N, C-alpha and C. Protein backbone atom coordinates (compact mmCIF):
# COMPACT_ATOMS: atom_id res chain seq x y z
N MET A 1 109.71 76.31 134.63
CA MET A 1 109.59 76.78 133.26
C MET A 1 108.15 77.12 132.91
N GLU A 2 107.20 76.61 133.65
CA GLU A 2 105.79 76.83 133.32
C GLU A 2 105.42 78.30 133.26
N ASN A 3 106.09 79.14 134.04
CA ASN A 3 105.76 80.55 134.06
C ASN A 3 106.32 81.32 132.88
N LYS A 4 107.32 80.79 132.21
CA LYS A 4 107.92 81.48 131.07
C LYS A 4 106.98 81.37 129.88
N LYS A 5 106.56 82.53 129.40
CA LYS A 5 105.61 82.56 128.29
C LYS A 5 106.34 82.63 126.96
N ILE A 6 105.90 81.79 126.02
CA ILE A 6 106.44 81.82 124.66
C ILE A 6 105.28 81.77 123.67
N ILE A 7 105.54 82.32 122.51
CA ILE A 7 104.60 82.19 121.40
C ILE A 7 105.30 81.42 120.30
N LEU A 8 104.59 80.43 119.76
CA LEU A 8 105.06 79.68 118.60
C LEU A 8 104.23 80.16 117.42
N LEU A 9 104.88 80.73 116.44
CA LEU A 9 104.21 81.50 115.40
C LEU A 9 104.56 80.97 114.02
N SER A 10 103.53 80.74 113.21
CA SER A 10 103.78 80.27 111.84
C SER A 10 102.54 80.46 110.99
N SER A 11 102.75 80.38 109.69
CA SER A 11 101.61 80.28 108.79
C SER A 11 101.12 78.83 108.88
N ASP A 12 100.06 78.51 108.16
CA ASP A 12 99.56 77.13 108.22
C ASP A 12 100.39 76.23 107.30
N GLY A 13 100.03 74.99 107.20
CA GLY A 13 100.72 74.06 106.31
C GLY A 13 102.03 73.56 106.89
N GLY A 14 103.06 73.51 106.03
CA GLY A 14 104.36 72.97 106.43
C GLY A 14 105.05 73.75 107.52
N HIS A 15 104.87 75.08 107.53
CA HIS A 15 105.47 75.90 108.59
C HIS A 15 104.90 75.51 109.95
N LEU A 16 103.60 75.31 110.00
CA LEU A 16 102.94 74.89 111.25
C LEU A 16 103.36 73.47 111.63
N ALA A 17 103.48 72.59 110.65
CA ALA A 17 103.90 71.21 110.94
C ALA A 17 105.26 71.21 111.63
N GLN A 18 106.16 72.11 111.22
CA GLN A 18 107.47 72.18 111.86
C GLN A 18 107.37 72.70 113.29
N ILE A 19 106.50 73.68 113.52
CA ILE A 19 106.28 74.18 114.88
C ILE A 19 105.77 73.05 115.78
N LEU A 20 104.81 72.29 115.27
CA LEU A 20 104.22 71.21 116.07
C LEU A 20 105.22 70.10 116.39
N GLU A 21 106.27 69.97 115.58
CA GLU A 21 107.34 69.01 115.87
C GLU A 21 108.09 69.37 117.14
N LEU A 22 107.97 70.61 117.58
CA LEU A 22 108.65 71.07 118.78
C LEU A 22 107.82 70.87 120.04
N ASN A 23 106.74 70.10 119.97
CA ASN A 23 105.81 70.01 121.09
C ASN A 23 106.42 69.47 122.38
N GLU A 24 107.40 68.60 122.31
CA GLU A 24 108.04 68.12 123.55
C GLU A 24 108.70 69.27 124.29
N MET A 25 109.20 70.25 123.55
CA MET A 25 109.83 71.40 124.16
C MET A 25 108.78 72.41 124.61
N PHE A 26 107.86 72.79 123.75
CA PHE A 26 106.98 73.90 124.10
C PHE A 26 105.92 73.55 125.13
N LEU A 27 105.60 72.30 125.28
CA LEU A 27 104.60 71.91 126.29
C LEU A 27 105.12 72.12 127.72
N LYS A 28 106.42 72.36 127.87
CA LYS A 28 107.01 72.63 129.18
C LYS A 28 106.85 74.10 129.59
N TYR A 29 106.39 74.92 128.69
CA TYR A 29 106.26 76.35 128.92
C TYR A 29 104.79 76.78 128.92
N ASN A 30 104.56 78.00 129.31
CA ASN A 30 103.26 78.63 129.15
C ASN A 30 103.23 79.13 127.70
N TYR A 31 102.80 78.28 126.80
CA TYR A 31 102.91 78.54 125.38
C TYR A 31 101.58 79.00 124.77
N LEU A 32 101.71 79.62 123.63
CA LEU A 32 100.56 79.96 122.80
C LEU A 32 101.00 79.76 121.35
N ILE A 33 100.25 78.97 120.61
CA ILE A 33 100.51 78.81 119.18
C ILE A 33 99.66 79.85 118.46
N VAL A 34 100.26 80.56 117.52
CA VAL A 34 99.55 81.52 116.70
C VAL A 34 99.80 81.15 115.26
N THR A 35 98.72 80.92 114.51
CA THR A 35 98.82 80.53 113.11
C THR A 35 97.63 81.07 112.34
N GLU A 36 97.60 80.78 111.06
CA GLU A 36 96.49 81.24 110.22
C GLU A 36 95.25 80.38 110.44
N GLU A 37 94.11 81.03 110.41
CA GLU A 37 92.86 80.30 110.54
C GLU A 37 92.51 79.65 109.21
N SER A 38 92.28 78.35 109.26
CA SER A 38 91.89 77.60 108.06
C SER A 38 91.15 76.35 108.51
N PRO A 39 90.46 75.68 107.60
CA PRO A 39 89.78 74.43 107.99
C PRO A 39 90.74 73.39 108.58
N ALA A 40 92.00 73.42 108.17
CA ALA A 40 92.97 72.46 108.68
C ALA A 40 93.47 72.81 110.08
N THR A 41 93.43 74.10 110.45
CA THR A 41 93.98 74.51 111.75
C THR A 41 92.93 74.60 112.86
N LEU A 42 91.66 74.77 112.51
CA LEU A 42 90.62 74.91 113.53
C LEU A 42 90.54 73.73 114.50
N PRO A 43 90.68 72.47 114.05
CA PRO A 43 90.62 71.35 115.00
C PRO A 43 91.74 71.35 116.03
N LEU A 44 92.81 72.09 115.80
CA LEU A 44 93.92 72.13 116.76
C LEU A 44 93.52 72.79 118.08
N ARG A 45 92.39 73.51 118.08
CA ARG A 45 91.90 74.15 119.32
C ARG A 45 91.61 73.13 120.40
N GLU A 46 91.29 71.91 119.99
CA GLU A 46 90.96 70.87 120.96
C GLU A 46 92.19 70.33 121.69
N LYS A 47 93.37 70.49 121.09
CA LYS A 47 94.58 69.91 121.65
C LYS A 47 95.57 70.95 122.19
N TYR A 48 95.58 72.15 121.59
CA TYR A 48 96.60 73.15 121.93
C TYR A 48 95.98 74.47 122.35
N ASN A 49 96.77 75.26 123.06
CA ASN A 49 96.43 76.65 123.34
C ASN A 49 96.79 77.42 122.06
N ILE A 50 95.79 77.90 121.35
CA ILE A 50 96.03 78.43 120.01
C ILE A 50 95.14 79.64 119.73
N LYS A 51 95.68 80.58 118.98
CA LYS A 51 94.92 81.74 118.47
C LYS A 51 95.22 81.85 116.99
N PHE A 52 94.33 82.57 116.30
CA PHE A 52 94.43 82.60 114.85
C PHE A 52 94.58 84.01 114.29
N LEU A 53 95.37 84.08 113.22
CA LEU A 53 95.50 85.27 112.41
C LEU A 53 94.72 85.05 111.12
N LYS A 54 94.48 86.13 110.40
CA LYS A 54 93.82 86.02 109.11
C LYS A 54 94.79 85.37 108.13
N ALA A 55 94.29 84.42 107.34
CA ALA A 55 95.13 83.71 106.38
C ALA A 55 95.58 84.63 105.26
N ARG A 56 96.73 84.31 104.71
CA ARG A 56 97.25 85.05 103.55
C ARG A 56 96.28 84.92 102.39
N ALA A 57 96.16 85.97 101.62
CA ALA A 57 95.33 85.93 100.42
C ALA A 57 96.04 85.07 99.37
N LYS A 58 95.26 84.30 98.65
CA LYS A 58 95.83 83.43 97.61
C LYS A 58 95.14 83.70 96.29
N GLY A 59 95.78 83.34 95.21
CA GLY A 59 95.20 83.52 93.88
C GLY A 59 95.31 84.96 93.39
N LYS A 60 94.35 85.37 92.55
CA LYS A 60 94.38 86.70 91.94
C LYS A 60 94.21 87.83 92.95
N LYS A 61 93.56 87.56 94.05
CA LYS A 61 93.32 88.58 95.07
C LYS A 61 94.55 88.84 95.93
N ARG A 62 95.60 88.07 95.75
CA ARG A 62 96.75 88.12 96.63
C ARG A 62 97.34 89.53 96.73
N ASN A 63 97.65 90.16 95.61
CA ASN A 63 98.29 91.48 95.64
C ASN A 63 97.39 92.53 96.26
N LEU A 64 96.12 92.49 95.92
CA LEU A 64 95.17 93.48 96.41
C LEU A 64 94.91 93.33 97.91
N ALA A 65 94.78 92.12 98.38
CA ALA A 65 94.42 91.87 99.77
C ALA A 65 95.62 91.82 100.71
N PHE A 66 96.84 91.71 100.18
CA PHE A 66 98.02 91.57 101.02
C PHE A 66 98.14 92.68 102.05
N ILE A 67 97.97 93.91 101.62
CA ILE A 67 98.12 95.06 102.53
C ILE A 67 97.04 95.03 103.61
N PHE A 68 95.80 94.75 103.21
CA PHE A 68 94.70 94.67 104.18
C PHE A 68 95.00 93.60 105.23
N VAL A 69 95.38 92.42 104.80
CA VAL A 69 95.65 91.31 105.71
C VAL A 69 96.84 91.65 106.62
N LEU A 70 97.84 92.30 106.07
CA LEU A 70 99.02 92.70 106.85
C LEU A 70 98.62 93.62 108.00
N PHE A 71 97.83 94.65 107.72
CA PHE A 71 97.41 95.57 108.78
C PHE A 71 96.44 94.92 109.76
N PHE A 72 95.54 94.11 109.26
CA PHE A 72 94.61 93.40 110.13
C PHE A 72 95.38 92.50 111.11
N ASN A 73 96.36 91.75 110.57
CA ASN A 73 97.15 90.85 111.41
C ASN A 73 98.05 91.61 112.38
N ALA A 74 98.48 92.80 111.99
CA ALA A 74 99.28 93.62 112.92
C ALA A 74 98.42 94.01 114.13
N PHE A 75 97.17 94.39 113.88
CA PHE A 75 96.26 94.73 114.97
C PHE A 75 96.00 93.53 115.88
N ILE A 76 95.69 92.39 115.29
CA ILE A 76 95.44 91.16 116.06
C ILE A 76 96.71 90.74 116.81
N SER A 77 97.86 90.88 116.16
CA SER A 77 99.13 90.52 116.79
C SER A 77 99.40 91.36 118.03
N LEU A 78 99.15 92.65 117.92
CA LEU A 78 99.35 93.54 119.07
C LEU A 78 98.46 93.13 120.23
N LYS A 79 97.23 92.81 119.93
CA LYS A 79 96.29 92.37 120.96
C LYS A 79 96.79 91.07 121.63
N ILE A 80 97.25 90.12 120.83
CA ILE A 80 97.75 88.85 121.37
C ILE A 80 99.00 89.09 122.21
N LEU A 81 99.90 89.94 121.73
CA LEU A 81 101.13 90.22 122.48
C LEU A 81 100.84 90.87 123.83
N ILE A 82 99.88 91.76 123.86
CA ILE A 82 99.52 92.41 125.13
C ILE A 82 98.90 91.40 126.09
N GLN A 83 98.06 90.51 125.58
CA GLN A 83 97.41 89.51 126.42
C GLN A 83 98.38 88.45 126.94
N HIS A 84 99.27 87.98 126.08
CA HIS A 84 100.15 86.86 126.45
C HIS A 84 101.52 87.34 126.93
N PHE A 85 102.01 88.44 126.44
CA PHE A 85 103.29 89.06 126.78
C PHE A 85 104.41 88.01 126.91
N PRO A 86 104.87 87.47 125.77
CA PRO A 86 105.86 86.39 125.80
C PRO A 86 107.29 86.88 126.04
N LYS A 87 108.10 86.00 126.57
CA LYS A 87 109.53 86.25 126.70
C LYS A 87 110.21 86.03 125.34
N ALA A 88 109.65 85.09 124.55
CA ALA A 88 110.23 84.77 123.24
C ALA A 88 109.14 84.39 122.25
N ILE A 89 109.41 84.70 120.99
CA ILE A 89 108.59 84.23 119.88
C ILE A 89 109.47 83.30 119.06
N ILE A 90 109.00 82.09 118.86
CA ILE A 90 109.70 81.12 118.01
C ILE A 90 108.86 80.99 116.75
N THR A 91 109.47 81.27 115.59
CA THR A 91 108.71 81.27 114.35
C THR A 91 109.43 80.49 113.26
N THR A 92 108.63 79.88 112.40
CA THR A 92 109.13 79.22 111.20
C THR A 92 108.70 79.99 109.96
N GLY A 93 108.12 81.18 110.15
CA GLY A 93 107.71 82.00 109.01
C GLY A 93 106.33 81.62 108.53
N SER A 94 105.85 82.08 107.61
CA SER A 94 106.14 82.91 106.45
C SER A 94 105.64 84.34 106.65
N SER A 95 105.22 85.00 105.59
CA SER A 95 104.92 86.44 105.66
C SER A 95 103.86 86.80 106.70
N THR A 96 102.97 85.92 107.02
CA THR A 96 101.94 86.16 108.03
C THR A 96 102.55 86.50 109.38
N THR A 97 103.74 86.01 109.64
CA THR A 97 104.36 86.15 110.95
C THR A 97 105.12 87.46 111.15
N VAL A 98 105.36 88.18 110.08
CA VAL A 98 106.20 89.37 110.15
C VAL A 98 105.66 90.44 111.11
N PRO A 99 104.36 90.82 111.03
CA PRO A 99 103.89 91.87 111.95
C PRO A 99 104.09 91.53 113.42
N MET A 100 103.77 90.30 113.83
CA MET A 100 103.91 89.96 115.24
C MET A 100 105.37 89.97 115.68
N CYS A 101 106.26 89.50 114.85
CA CYS A 101 107.68 89.51 115.20
C CYS A 101 108.20 90.93 115.33
N LEU A 102 107.83 91.81 114.42
CA LEU A 102 108.29 93.20 114.49
C LEU A 102 107.74 93.89 115.73
N LEU A 103 106.46 93.70 116.00
CA LEU A 103 105.85 94.30 117.19
C LEU A 103 106.43 93.70 118.47
N GLY A 104 106.64 92.40 118.47
CA GLY A 104 107.23 91.75 119.64
C GLY A 104 108.62 92.26 119.93
N LYS A 105 109.42 92.43 118.89
CA LYS A 105 110.78 92.94 119.07
C LYS A 105 110.75 94.35 119.65
N LEU A 106 109.82 95.17 119.18
CA LEU A 106 109.68 96.52 119.73
C LEU A 106 109.34 96.48 121.21
N GLY A 107 108.63 95.45 121.62
CA GLY A 107 108.25 95.30 123.03
C GLY A 107 109.28 94.56 123.86
N GLY A 108 110.43 94.21 123.29
CA GLY A 108 111.49 93.56 124.05
C GLY A 108 111.46 92.04 124.04
N THR A 109 110.62 91.45 123.21
CA THR A 109 110.54 89.99 123.11
C THR A 109 111.68 89.46 122.26
N LYS A 110 112.27 88.36 122.68
CA LYS A 110 113.33 87.71 121.88
C LYS A 110 112.67 87.01 120.68
N ILE A 111 113.33 87.08 119.54
CA ILE A 111 112.83 86.46 118.31
C ILE A 111 113.77 85.32 117.92
N ILE A 112 113.21 84.12 117.80
CA ILE A 112 113.96 82.95 117.34
C ILE A 112 113.31 82.50 116.04
N TYR A 113 114.07 82.62 114.97
CA TYR A 113 113.55 82.28 113.64
C TYR A 113 114.17 80.95 113.21
N ILE A 114 113.32 80.00 112.83
CA ILE A 114 113.77 78.72 112.30
C ILE A 114 113.40 78.69 110.81
N LEU A 115 114.40 78.74 109.97
CA LEU A 115 114.15 78.72 108.53
C LEU A 115 113.55 77.38 108.12
N SER A 116 112.56 77.44 107.26
CA SER A 116 111.83 76.25 106.84
C SER A 116 112.75 75.15 106.32
N TYR A 117 112.38 73.93 106.62
CA TYR A 117 113.10 72.75 106.16
C TYR A 117 113.14 72.70 104.64
N ALA A 118 112.15 73.30 104.00
CA ALA A 118 112.08 73.31 102.54
C ALA A 118 113.15 74.21 101.91
N ARG A 119 113.73 75.11 102.70
CA ARG A 119 114.77 76.02 102.20
C ARG A 119 116.12 75.33 102.28
N VAL A 120 116.42 74.55 101.26
CA VAL A 120 117.66 73.79 101.21
C VAL A 120 118.82 74.67 100.73
N ASN A 121 118.53 75.52 99.75
CA ASN A 121 119.59 76.34 99.18
C ASN A 121 119.01 77.64 98.61
N SER A 122 118.05 78.22 99.32
CA SER A 122 117.45 79.47 98.84
C SER A 122 116.99 80.33 100.00
N ARG A 123 116.74 81.58 99.70
CA ARG A 123 116.29 82.56 100.68
C ARG A 123 114.78 82.47 100.85
N ALA A 124 114.26 83.13 101.89
CA ALA A 124 112.82 83.22 102.13
C ALA A 124 112.47 84.68 102.42
N PHE A 125 111.32 85.12 101.93
CA PHE A 125 110.88 86.50 102.08
C PHE A 125 110.81 86.93 103.54
N SER A 126 110.09 86.17 104.35
CA SER A 126 109.96 86.54 105.77
C SER A 126 111.30 86.45 106.49
N ALA A 127 112.13 85.49 106.12
CA ALA A 127 113.45 85.36 106.73
C ALA A 127 114.31 86.59 106.43
N ASP A 128 114.24 87.06 105.19
CA ASP A 128 115.01 88.25 104.82
C ASP A 128 114.60 89.46 105.64
N ILE A 129 113.31 89.59 105.93
CA ILE A 129 112.82 90.73 106.71
C ILE A 129 113.20 90.58 108.19
N LEU A 130 113.08 89.38 108.72
CA LEU A 130 113.27 89.17 110.16
C LEU A 130 114.70 88.84 110.57
N TYR A 131 115.54 88.46 109.63
CA TYR A 131 116.94 88.11 109.92
C TYR A 131 117.67 89.20 110.72
N PRO A 132 117.55 90.48 110.32
CA PRO A 132 118.29 91.51 111.06
C PRO A 132 117.85 91.69 112.51
N ILE A 133 116.63 91.32 112.85
CA ILE A 133 116.15 91.53 114.22
C ILE A 133 116.12 90.24 115.06
N ALA A 134 116.39 89.11 114.41
CA ALA A 134 116.33 87.82 115.13
C ALA A 134 117.46 87.72 116.14
N ASP A 135 117.11 87.31 117.35
CA ASP A 135 118.11 87.06 118.38
C ASP A 135 118.85 85.76 118.10
N LYS A 136 118.16 84.82 117.51
CA LYS A 136 118.77 83.56 117.07
C LYS A 136 118.09 83.19 115.75
N PHE A 137 118.91 82.86 114.77
CA PHE A 137 118.42 82.49 113.44
C PHE A 137 118.95 81.09 113.14
N ILE A 138 118.04 80.12 113.08
CA ILE A 138 118.41 78.72 112.95
C ILE A 138 118.10 78.22 111.54
N ILE A 139 119.07 77.54 110.94
CA ILE A 139 118.86 76.93 109.63
C ILE A 139 118.90 75.42 109.77
N GLN A 140 118.22 74.74 108.85
CA GLN A 140 118.14 73.29 108.90
C GLN A 140 118.97 72.60 107.83
N TRP A 141 119.59 73.42 106.96
CA TRP A 141 120.48 72.92 105.91
C TRP A 141 121.73 73.79 105.89
N PRO A 142 122.91 73.20 105.83
CA PRO A 142 124.14 74.01 105.86
C PRO A 142 124.31 74.92 104.65
N GLY A 143 123.74 74.58 103.51
CA GLY A 143 123.89 75.37 102.29
C GLY A 143 123.29 76.76 102.38
N VAL A 144 122.40 76.99 103.31
CA VAL A 144 121.72 78.28 103.44
C VAL A 144 122.58 79.29 104.20
N LYS A 145 123.61 78.82 104.83
CA LYS A 145 124.49 79.70 105.62
C LYS A 145 125.08 80.82 104.75
N LYS A 146 125.23 80.59 103.47
CA LYS A 146 125.80 81.62 102.58
C LYS A 146 124.87 82.83 102.47
N PHE A 147 123.57 82.65 102.72
CA PHE A 147 122.62 83.76 102.68
C PHE A 147 122.45 84.43 104.04
N TYR A 148 122.60 83.66 105.09
CA TYR A 148 122.36 84.15 106.46
C TYR A 148 123.60 83.84 107.30
N LYS A 149 124.56 84.73 107.27
CA LYS A 149 125.90 84.50 107.86
C LYS A 149 125.88 84.23 109.37
N LYS A 150 124.98 84.90 110.11
CA LYS A 150 124.96 84.70 111.56
C LYS A 150 124.06 83.52 111.98
N ALA A 151 123.58 82.77 111.00
CA ALA A 151 122.70 81.64 111.28
C ALA A 151 123.44 80.53 112.01
N VAL A 152 122.67 79.76 112.77
CA VAL A 152 123.19 78.59 113.47
C VAL A 152 122.58 77.36 112.81
N TYR A 153 123.43 76.45 112.39
CA TYR A 153 122.97 75.20 111.76
C TYR A 153 122.82 74.15 112.85
N LEU A 154 121.58 73.65 113.02
CA LEU A 154 121.32 72.63 114.04
C LEU A 154 120.75 71.34 113.46
N GLY A 155 120.71 71.24 112.14
CA GLY A 155 120.12 70.07 111.51
C GLY A 155 118.61 70.23 111.42
N GLY A 156 117.93 69.18 111.00
CA GLY A 156 116.49 69.24 110.79
C GLY A 156 115.66 69.04 112.05
N ILE A 157 114.50 69.63 112.04
CA ILE A 157 113.55 69.45 113.16
C ILE A 157 112.96 68.06 113.12
N TYR A 158 112.74 67.53 111.93
CA TYR A 158 112.08 66.23 111.78
C TYR A 158 112.99 65.09 112.18
């Protein structure tokens, strides 16, 4: 399994915490974690194989900077995909992950989307975009199945 390359992709915070819960599984592969660069994520370089995307804009600058960050992350994502060339991308979202998943799918990479544990009975923006292209769409609460019909309920990661 060591030769099989995978990317574990998420924004920072809770989405990343859920990805890190999968460490018993992903440490068996040639993995790369891709997340947003922040003071909380930089120390992870010491423990994991990790690369960073530009963090989502927050506050009043959010609407103005969203497009810039989206295109910047698409460029960085393409570079990472060419360098690592994964068989699969496993993602817990959020919007930061959309460019890499779309580009990966175009390149033949399998997309596995795990809907956030926080989504008990509601939709998610990145999930809505990536649901149609996901090879496997996993939910952690049965109530979300009404929004994502082809989803597989496997219970919580935690």
